N, C-alpha and C. Protein backbone atom coordinates (compact mmCIF):
# COMPACT_ATOMS: atom_id res chain seq x y z
N MET A 1 163.88 44.32 80.01
CA MET A 1 164.18 45.17 81.14
C MET A 1 163.48 46.52 81.01
N TYR A 2 163.52 47.11 79.85
CA TYR A 2 162.90 48.41 79.64
C TYR A 2 161.61 48.32 78.84
N ILE A 3 161.02 47.14 78.80
CA ILE A 3 159.83 46.95 77.96
C ILE A 3 158.66 47.81 78.42
N GLY A 4 158.54 48.02 79.71
CA GLY A 4 157.44 48.85 80.23
C GLY A 4 157.56 50.29 79.78
N ILE A 5 158.76 50.82 79.82
CA ILE A 5 158.97 52.21 79.38
C ILE A 5 158.74 52.32 77.87
N GLY A 6 159.26 51.38 77.12
CA GLY A 6 159.05 51.38 75.68
C GLY A 6 157.58 51.25 75.32
N PHE A 7 156.89 50.36 76.01
CA PHE A 7 155.46 50.17 75.73
C PHE A 7 154.67 51.42 76.12
N GLY A 8 155.04 52.03 77.24
CA GLY A 8 154.37 53.27 77.65
C GLY A 8 154.54 54.38 76.62
N LEU A 9 155.72 54.52 76.08
CA LEU A 9 155.96 55.52 75.03
C LEU A 9 155.16 55.19 73.77
N TYR A 10 155.09 53.90 73.45
CA TYR A 10 154.31 53.46 72.30
C TYR A 10 152.84 53.81 72.49
N VAL A 11 152.31 53.56 73.68
CA VAL A 11 150.91 53.88 73.99
C VAL A 11 150.67 55.38 73.85
N LEU A 12 151.55 56.18 74.43
CA LEU A 12 151.41 57.63 74.35
C LEU A 12 151.41 58.10 72.89
N PHE A 13 152.34 57.60 72.10
CA PHE A 13 152.44 57.98 70.69
C PHE A 13 151.19 57.56 69.91
N THR A 14 150.74 56.32 70.09
CA THR A 14 149.61 55.85 69.30
C THR A 14 148.30 56.53 69.69
N ILE A 15 148.11 56.84 70.96
CA ILE A 15 146.89 57.55 71.36
C ILE A 15 146.86 58.93 70.70
N GLY A 16 147.98 59.62 70.72
CA GLY A 16 148.06 60.93 70.06
C GLY A 16 147.84 60.82 68.57
N LEU A 17 148.45 59.83 67.94
CA LEU A 17 148.31 59.63 66.50
C LEU A 17 146.86 59.31 66.13
N TYR A 18 146.23 58.43 66.89
CA TYR A 18 144.85 58.04 66.59
C TYR A 18 143.89 59.19 66.83
N HIS A 19 144.18 60.06 67.78
CA HIS A 19 143.33 61.24 67.99
C HIS A 19 143.31 62.09 66.72
N VAL A 20 144.48 62.35 66.18
CA VAL A 20 144.59 63.14 64.95
C VAL A 20 143.93 62.40 63.78
N LEU A 21 144.17 61.09 63.69
CA LEU A 21 143.56 60.29 62.62
C LEU A 21 142.04 60.37 62.64
N VAL A 22 141.44 60.23 63.82
CA VAL A 22 139.98 60.27 63.93
C VAL A 22 139.46 61.62 63.44
N VAL A 23 140.06 62.69 63.91
CA VAL A 23 139.60 64.03 63.53
C VAL A 23 139.72 64.23 62.03
N LYS A 24 140.87 63.92 61.46
CA LYS A 24 141.11 64.16 60.03
C LYS A 24 140.29 63.23 59.14
N LEU A 25 140.23 61.95 59.50
CA LEU A 25 139.46 61.01 58.68
C LEU A 25 137.97 61.31 58.71
N GLU A 26 137.44 61.63 59.88
CA GLU A 26 136.01 61.93 59.98
C GLU A 26 135.70 63.22 59.24
N GLU A 27 136.59 64.19 59.31
CA GLU A 27 136.41 65.45 58.61
C GLU A 27 136.35 65.24 57.09
N ARG A 28 137.18 64.35 56.60
CA ARG A 28 137.27 64.13 55.15
C ARG A 28 136.29 63.09 54.61
N PHE A 29 136.09 61.98 55.35
CA PHE A 29 135.29 60.87 54.83
C PHE A 29 134.03 60.58 55.64
N GLY A 30 133.75 61.37 56.65
CA GLY A 30 132.61 61.06 57.53
C GLY A 30 132.95 59.87 58.41
N THR A 31 131.95 59.12 58.81
CA THR A 31 132.19 58.00 59.71
C THR A 31 132.55 56.71 58.96
N GLY A 32 132.63 56.78 57.64
CA GLY A 32 132.89 55.60 56.82
C GLY A 32 134.10 54.75 57.19
N PRO A 33 135.23 55.35 57.59
CA PRO A 33 136.41 54.53 57.90
C PRO A 33 136.27 53.62 59.13
N TRP A 34 135.14 53.69 59.83
CA TRP A 34 135.00 52.86 61.03
C TRP A 34 135.20 51.38 60.72
N ILE A 35 134.81 50.95 59.55
CA ILE A 35 134.91 49.52 59.21
C ILE A 35 136.37 49.06 59.15
N VAL A 36 137.25 49.94 58.69
CA VAL A 36 138.68 49.60 58.64
C VAL A 36 139.21 49.40 60.05
N PHE A 37 138.84 50.30 60.97
CA PHE A 37 139.28 50.17 62.35
C PHE A 37 138.69 48.92 63.01
N MET A 38 137.45 48.59 62.67
CA MET A 38 136.83 47.38 63.20
C MET A 38 137.58 46.13 62.73
N LEU A 39 137.87 46.09 61.44
CA LEU A 39 138.59 44.93 60.90
C LEU A 39 140.01 44.82 61.48
N LEU A 40 140.70 45.95 61.60
CA LEU A 40 142.02 45.94 62.23
C LEU A 40 141.95 45.47 63.68
N GLY A 41 140.93 45.94 64.40
CA GLY A 41 140.76 45.54 65.79
C GLY A 41 140.52 44.05 65.93
N VAL A 42 139.66 43.50 65.10
CA VAL A 42 139.38 42.07 65.16
C VAL A 42 140.61 41.25 64.76
N LEU A 43 141.33 41.71 63.74
CA LEU A 43 142.56 41.02 63.33
C LEU A 43 143.59 41.03 64.46
N CYS A 44 143.79 42.18 65.09
CA CYS A 44 144.75 42.28 66.19
C CYS A 44 144.31 41.42 67.38
N LEU A 45 143.02 41.37 67.64
CA LEU A 45 142.50 40.52 68.71
C LEU A 45 142.81 39.06 68.43
N PHE A 46 142.59 38.63 67.21
CA PHE A 46 142.90 37.26 66.82
C PHE A 46 144.39 36.98 66.98
N LEU A 47 145.24 37.91 66.50
CA LEU A 47 146.68 37.71 66.60
C LEU A 47 147.14 37.67 68.06
N SER A 48 146.52 38.49 68.90
CA SER A 48 146.85 38.47 70.32
C SER A 48 146.52 37.12 70.94
N TRP A 49 145.42 36.56 70.53
CA TRP A 49 144.96 35.28 71.05
C TRP A 49 145.85 34.13 70.55
N GLN A 50 146.38 34.25 69.34
CA GLN A 50 147.14 33.17 68.72
C GLN A 50 148.63 33.13 69.09
N THR A 51 149.18 34.24 69.52
CA THR A 51 150.63 34.28 69.76
C THR A 51 150.97 33.57 71.06
N SER A 52 152.16 33.01 71.11
CA SER A 52 152.59 32.30 72.31
C SER A 52 153.39 33.19 73.26
N SER A 53 153.88 34.30 72.78
CA SER A 53 154.66 35.22 73.61
C SER A 53 153.73 36.19 74.35
N GLN A 54 153.90 36.29 75.65
CA GLN A 54 153.06 37.20 76.43
C GLN A 54 153.29 38.66 76.04
N THR A 55 154.52 39.01 75.76
CA THR A 55 154.84 40.39 75.38
C THR A 55 154.20 40.74 74.04
N VAL A 56 154.31 39.87 73.09
CA VAL A 56 153.73 40.12 71.77
C VAL A 56 152.20 40.11 71.86
N SER A 57 151.67 39.20 72.67
CA SER A 57 150.22 39.15 72.87
C SER A 57 149.70 40.45 73.47
N MET A 58 150.44 41.00 74.44
CA MET A 58 150.07 42.29 75.05
C MET A 58 150.07 43.39 73.99
N TRP A 59 151.07 43.41 73.13
CA TRP A 59 151.17 44.42 72.09
C TRP A 59 149.99 44.31 71.12
N TRP A 60 149.69 43.09 70.65
CA TRP A 60 148.56 42.89 69.75
C TRP A 60 147.25 43.23 70.44
N GLY A 61 147.12 42.85 71.71
CA GLY A 61 145.89 43.15 72.45
C GLY A 61 145.67 44.64 72.60
N TYR A 62 146.72 45.37 72.92
CA TYR A 62 146.59 46.82 73.02
C TYR A 62 146.14 47.41 71.68
N ASN A 63 146.77 46.98 70.58
CA ASN A 63 146.40 47.48 69.26
C ASN A 63 144.97 47.10 68.90
N ALA A 64 144.53 45.93 69.33
CA ALA A 64 143.15 45.52 69.08
C ALA A 64 142.18 46.50 69.72
N PHE A 65 142.36 46.78 71.00
CA PHE A 65 141.42 47.64 71.69
C PHE A 65 141.58 49.11 71.31
N LEU A 66 142.77 49.51 70.90
CA LEU A 66 142.95 50.86 70.36
C LEU A 66 142.10 51.04 69.11
N ASN A 67 142.15 50.07 68.22
CA ASN A 67 141.36 50.16 66.99
C ASN A 67 139.87 50.01 67.25
N LEU A 68 139.48 49.13 68.15
CA LEU A 68 138.06 48.96 68.46
C LEU A 68 137.50 50.21 69.13
N TRP A 69 138.26 50.84 70.00
CA TRP A 69 137.81 52.08 70.64
C TRP A 69 137.68 53.19 69.60
N THR A 70 138.52 53.17 68.59
CA THR A 70 138.48 54.18 67.53
C THR A 70 137.16 54.11 66.76
N VAL A 71 136.55 52.93 66.67
CA VAL A 71 135.24 52.82 66.04
C VAL A 71 134.25 53.72 66.77
N LYS A 72 134.23 53.64 68.09
CA LYS A 72 133.35 54.50 68.90
C LYS A 72 133.68 55.97 68.67
N GLU A 73 134.95 56.29 68.66
CA GLU A 73 135.37 57.68 68.49
C GLU A 73 134.98 58.24 67.12
N MET A 74 135.00 57.40 66.10
CA MET A 74 134.58 57.85 64.76
C MET A 74 133.13 58.33 64.78
N PHE A 75 132.29 57.68 65.57
CA PHE A 75 130.88 58.07 65.63
C PHE A 75 130.64 59.21 66.62
N ASP A 76 131.54 59.39 67.59
CA ASP A 76 131.41 60.51 68.53
C ASP A 76 131.93 61.82 67.95
N GLN A 77 132.86 61.75 67.02
CA GLN A 77 133.52 62.94 66.48
C GLN A 77 132.56 63.94 65.83
N PRO A 78 131.57 63.51 65.04
CA PRO A 78 130.67 64.51 64.44
C PRO A 78 129.93 65.34 65.50
N ARG A 79 129.53 64.70 66.58
CA ARG A 79 128.84 65.41 67.66
C ARG A 79 129.78 66.40 68.33
N ARG A 80 131.02 66.00 68.58
CA ARG A 80 131.99 66.91 69.19
C ARG A 80 132.27 68.10 68.28
N ARG A 81 132.41 67.84 66.99
CA ARG A 81 132.69 68.92 66.04
C ARG A 81 131.50 69.89 65.99
N GLN A 82 130.31 69.34 66.01
CA GLN A 82 129.10 70.18 65.97
C GLN A 82 128.99 71.03 67.24
N MET A 83 129.32 70.44 68.38
CA MET A 83 129.26 71.19 69.64
C MET A 83 130.30 72.30 69.66
N SER A 84 131.50 72.04 69.13
CA SER A 84 132.54 73.06 69.16
C SER A 84 132.24 74.20 68.18
N SER A 85 131.58 73.91 67.07
CA SER A 85 131.25 74.98 66.12
C SER A 85 130.05 75.79 66.59
N ALA A 86 129.22 75.23 67.47
CA ALA A 86 128.06 75.97 67.99
C ALA A 86 128.46 76.98 69.06
N SER A 87 129.62 76.78 69.68
CA SER A 87 130.01 77.70 70.77
C SER A 87 130.68 78.94 70.28
């Protein structure tokens, strides 16, 4: 009944958390952690495909694309940091 509200809050929380993760991880380790996010994304994609529950599949699918998008963000972060320090 309230799954949409709960999922929406989960999305909001994880997007905020991953934003901080990208900034801090890239600052400390460079773009190296991208492989972890890639592997997590592929694993979540597989789990989304394998589950029989639509709700659980949606949750795994969201996590898959959250992690896969983070790969892109890991490589965009150095450029953003450089642009902000130049201003």
